[in-house]
Amino acid sequence: PVMLTFPLNTVLFGSVARATTSTQNVVVSNLGTANLVLAAPTITGSGRVDSQPAKYTVTGNTCPIGGTGLAPLATCTITVTFAPTATGNQTANLNVNASNAATRTLLVTGTGT
């Protein structure tokens, strides 16, 4: 079997000034015994890139998409960028989908200042 895991359930950006950006890396691990076949990570919720006022985007991804997948006991990294356009708490979800494991969702949160 495969096992899609993250070290944390929330990606915390803290306070970020408007018109600037901050990035956080999310480590994805396959703790199973079979390859983990991943789809491209997505951002959903009010903080996705095409909604206002939050601006979260996936700006980097070392995880193999499709193909043979992430090997057992291997890790990869997804980079999320927060570029607030307003002040206040702003949240979204980072979704990591695998064709042979349950989808995992992480809360992404930051505060525009």
Protein backbone atom coordinates (compact mmCIF):
# COMPACT_ATOMS: atom_id res chain seq x y z
CA PRO A 1 0.00 0.00 0.00
CA VAL A 2 0.90 3.68 -0.25
CA MET A 3 0.79 6.31 2.49
CA LEU A 4 0.70 10.03 1.64
CA THR A 5 1.84 12.05 4.66
CA PHE A 6 2.87 15.57 5.65
CA PRO A 7 4.79 16.61 8.77
CA LEU A 8 2.12 19.26 9.57
CA ASN A 9 -1.60 19.79 8.88
CA THR A 10 -1.30 23.56 8.42
CA VAL A 11 1.00 25.79 6.38
CA LEU A 12 1.56 28.92 8.49
CA PHE A 13 2.79 32.08 6.80
CA GLY A 14 2.37 34.43 9.75
CA SER A 15 2.28 38.16 9.00
CA VAL A 16 3.21 39.23 5.46
CA ALA A 17 3.16 42.83 4.24
CA ARG A 18 0.86 43.64 1.33
CA ALA A 19 2.59 43.84 -2.05
CA THR A 20 5.32 41.43 -0.87
CA THR A 21 5.55 37.65 -1.00
CA SER A 22 6.48 34.84 1.32
CA THR A 23 7.09 31.19 0.48
CA GLN A 24 6.73 27.98 2.49
CA ASN A 25 7.82 24.49 1.54
CA VAL A 26 5.60 21.47 2.20
CA VAL A 27 7.33 18.10 2.34
CA VAL A 28 5.31 15.21 0.92
CA SER A 29 6.31 11.72 2.05
CA ASN A 30 5.38 8.26 0.82
CA LEU A 31 5.65 6.05 3.90
CA GLY A 32 4.07 3.11 2.11
CA THR A 33 5.54 0.15 0.27
CA ALA A 34 4.34 1.04 -3.25
CA ASN A 35 4.86 4.05 -5.54
CA LEU A 36 2.55 7.02 -4.88
CA VAL A 37 1.13 8.35 -8.18
CA LEU A 38 0.46 12.08 -7.72
CA ALA A 39 -1.51 14.70 -9.61
CA ALA A 40 -0.48 18.36 -9.70
CA PRO A 41 -1.16 20.09 -6.36
CA THR A 42 -3.97 22.68 -6.31
CA ILE A 43 -5.10 25.61 -4.18
CA THR A 44 -8.82 25.87 -3.40
CA GLY A 45 -10.96 28.13 -1.25
CA SER A 46 -11.20 31.88 -0.97
CA GLY A 47 -7.42 32.34 -1.00
CA ARG A 48 -6.71 30.82 -4.40
CA VAL A 49 -4.87 32.97 -6.92
CA ASP A 50 -7.98 34.04 -8.88
CA SER A 51 -9.90 35.32 -5.85
CA GLN A 52 -9.58 38.41 -3.73
CA PRO A 53 -8.16 39.41 -1.33
CA ALA A 54 -5.81 36.46 -0.72
CA LYS A 55 -3.21 35.29 -3.19
CA TYR A 56 -1.86 31.78 -2.65
CA THR A 57 -0.17 29.93 -5.48
CA VAL A 58 1.84 26.76 -5.97
CA THR A 59 5.13 28.13 -7.28
CA GLY A 60 7.30 25.03 -7.10
CA ASN A 61 6.92 21.28 -7.11
CA THR A 62 9.59 18.57 -7.08
CA CYS A 63 6.98 15.80 -6.79
CA PRO A 64 6.70 13.51 -9.82
CA ILE A 65 3.34 14.01 -11.55
CA GLY A 66 1.82 10.81 -12.97
CA GLY A 67 4.23 8.28 -14.40
CA THR A 68 5.77 5.87 -11.96
CA GLY A 69 5.19 8.22 -9.03
CA LEU A 70 6.99 8.84 -5.75
CA ALA A 71 8.93 5.80 -4.60
CA PRO A 72 8.36 4.18 -1.19
CA LEU A 73 10.06 6.08 1.65
CA ALA A 74 10.85 8.99 -0.70
CA THR A 75 9.97 12.67 -0.21
CA CYS A 76 9.35 15.64 -2.48
CA THR A 77 8.61 19.32 -1.92
CA ILE A 78 5.74 21.62 -2.90
CA THR A 79 6.39 25.37 -2.62
CA VAL A 80 3.45 27.67 -1.84
CA THR A 81 3.70 31.46 -2.18
CA PHE A 82 1.52 33.97 -0.31
CA ALA A 83 1.15 37.47 -1.81
CA PRO A 84 -1.53 39.28 0.21
CA THR A 85 -3.37 42.15 -1.44
CA ALA A 86 -5.37 43.12 1.66
CA THR A 87 -4.93 43.15 5.43
CA GLY A 88 -6.30 40.50 7.76
CA ASN A 89 -6.35 36.72 8.07
CA GLN A 90 -6.47 34.91 4.72
CA THR A 91 -6.88 31.15 4.29
CA ALA A 92 -7.03 28.54 1.54
CA ASN A 93 -6.46 24.81 1.09
CA LEU A 94 -3.53 23.02 -0.49
CA ASN A 95 -4.78 19.77 -2.06
CA VAL A 96 -2.48 16.91 -2.94
CA ASN A 97 -4.22 14.21 -4.97
CA ALA A 98 -2.94 10.71 -5.60
CA SER A 99 -4.57 8.20 -7.90
CA ASN A 100 -3.81 5.37 -5.49
CA ALA A 101 -4.28 7.09 -2.10
CA ALA A 102 -6.70 9.43 -0.39
CA THR A 103 -6.50 13.14 -1.23
CA ARG A 104 -4.80 15.12 1.51
CA THR A 105 -5.73 18.73 2.24
CA LEU A 106 -3.67 21.18 4.26
CA LEU A 107 -4.95 24.48 5.61
CA VAL A 108 -2.88 27.42 4.32
CA THR A 109 -3.11 30.55 6.45
CA GLY A 110 -1.44 33.92 6.67
CA THR A 111 -2.18 37.48 7.70
CA GLY A 112 -1.82 40.43 5.36
CA THR A 113 -0.38 43.49 7.06
